Amino acid sequence: MTAIVQQFIIHGITLTGQSFRPSDWAERLAGVLSQFRPAGCAGGHLTYSPYALPTLIDGVRCVVVDLRLRELEPLAWKFACEFAQDNQLQTSEKQIQEPPSAQ
């Protein structure tokens, strides 16, 4: 059975269409959120959380935030949302189907 995963995407483009600076903002934001992981998720202190990943979408730096972060740590979710709002960054939402886990 596949699960539907909802994602909140923070784009590195301001509401006025300017590129957001510094250029490593996505990695910094994902780094701040890296400690919030699902139970039993392996990963050291040098890896990103699966709930907040920096990526490129159509050549634009973005951070994809899994909505499950809101349930795990509401303050981390609030921080990510307020980061986007305070910096006037474009956001979008997307749903994807997560592949079934190997048993």
Protein backbone atom coordinates (compact mmCIF):
# COMPACT_ATOMS: atom_id res chain seq x y z
CA MET A 1 0.00 0.00 0.00
CA THR A 2 1.36 3.42 -0.90
CA ALA A 3 0.93 6.44 1.35
CA ILE A 4 0.12 9.95 0.19
CA VAL A 5 2.77 12.39 1.40
CA GLN A 6 1.98 16.07 1.51
CA GLN A 7 4.85 18.47 0.98
CA PHE A 8 5.23 22.18 1.66
CA ILE A 9 7.83 23.62 -0.70
CA ILE A 10 9.73 26.81 0.07
CA HIS A 11 11.16 28.28 -3.13
CA GLY A 12 14.25 30.47 -3.21
CA ILE A 13 12.37 33.18 -5.10
CA THR A 14 10.79 36.12 -3.32
CA LEU A 15 7.23 37.24 -3.95
CA THR A 16 8.69 40.02 -6.12
CA GLY A 17 10.59 37.48 -8.26
CA GLN A 18 14.10 38.05 -6.89
CA SER A 19 16.52 35.22 -6.07
CA PHE A 20 16.82 34.76 -2.32
CA ARG A 21 20.26 35.19 -0.80
CA PRO A 22 22.55 33.81 0.53
CA SER A 23 22.87 31.12 -2.09
CA ASP A 24 23.18 28.35 0.54
CA TRP A 25 19.99 29.32 2.39
CA ALA A 26 18.29 25.98 1.58
CA GLU A 27 21.13 23.93 3.05
CA ARG A 28 21.19 26.16 6.15
CA LEU A 29 17.45 25.86 6.74
CA ALA A 30 17.50 22.08 6.20
CA GLY A 31 20.48 21.89 8.54
CA VAL A 32 18.53 23.63 11.31
CA LEU A 33 15.69 21.14 10.83
CA SER A 34 17.98 18.10 10.53
CA GLN A 35 17.46 16.97 14.13
CA PHE A 36 13.75 16.30 13.59
CA ARG A 37 13.41 12.74 12.29
CA PRO A 38 10.84 9.97 12.41
CA ALA A 39 11.24 7.44 15.20
CA GLY A 40 13.86 4.83 14.39
CA CYS A 41 15.32 6.83 11.51
CA ALA A 42 19.02 6.22 11.29
CA GLY A 43 21.25 9.09 10.51
CA GLY A 44 24.12 10.92 11.99
CA HIS A 45 24.52 14.55 12.77
CA LEU A 46 25.80 15.17 9.26
CA THR A 47 22.64 14.19 7.39
CA TYR A 48 19.41 16.02 6.65
CA SER A 49 16.09 14.97 8.10
CA PRO A 50 13.85 13.16 5.60
CA TYR A 51 11.24 15.76 6.62
CA ALA A 52 13.21 18.79 5.35
CA LEU A 53 15.38 18.37 2.28
CA PRO A 54 17.16 20.99 0.19
CA THR A 55 16.75 20.45 -3.54
CA LEU A 56 16.65 22.15 -6.93
CA ILE A 57 13.31 22.49 -8.69
CA ASP A 58 13.46 23.96 -12.19
CA GLY A 59 16.88 25.41 -11.35
CA VAL A 60 15.64 27.15 -8.17
CA ARG A 61 16.94 26.24 -4.72
CA CYS A 62 14.09 24.96 -2.55
CA VAL A 63 13.44 23.18 0.71
CA VAL A 64 10.82 20.45 0.62
CA VAL A 65 9.21 20.13 4.04
CA ASP A 66 7.14 17.01 4.72
CA LEU A 67 3.89 17.87 6.50
CA ARG A 68 4.55 15.03 8.94
CA LEU A 69 7.04 17.41 10.57
CA ARG A 70 4.04 19.36 11.90
CA GLU A 71 2.93 16.31 13.89
CA LEU A 72 6.44 15.40 15.04
CA GLU A 73 7.49 18.89 16.16
CA PRO A 74 4.97 21.73 15.74
CA LEU A 75 7.54 24.42 16.62
CA ALA A 76 9.91 23.23 13.89
CA TRP A 77 7.01 23.32 11.43
CA LYS A 78 6.12 26.83 12.59
CA PHE A 79 9.76 27.91 12.21
CA ALA A 80 9.88 26.72 8.59
CA CYS A 81 6.58 28.40 7.71
CA GLU A 82 7.57 31.65 9.40
CA PHE A 83 10.95 31.57 7.67
CA ALA A 84 9.18 31.57 4.31
CA GLN A 85 6.74 34.27 5.39
CA ASP A 86 9.32 36.54 7.04
CA ASN A 87 11.56 36.39 3.96
CA GLN A 88 8.61 36.78 1.57
CA LEU A 89 9.45 33.55 -0.26
CA GLN A 90 7.17 31.81 -2.70
CA THR A 91 5.69 28.55 -1.45
CA SER A 92 3.67 25.72 -2.92
CA GLU A 93 2.21 22.42 -1.85
CA LYS A 94 2.39 19.05 -3.50
CA GLN A 95 1.16 15.54 -2.85
CA ILE A 96 3.20 12.51 -3.84
CA GLN A 97 2.74 8.79 -3.42
CA GLU A 98 5.37 7.25 -1.25
CA PRO A 99 6.47 3.80 -2.47
CA PRO A 100 5.64 0.90 -0.17
CA SER A 101 8.38 0.08 2.30
CA ALA A 102 10.27 -3.18 1.84
CA GLN A 103 9.23 -5.67 4.49
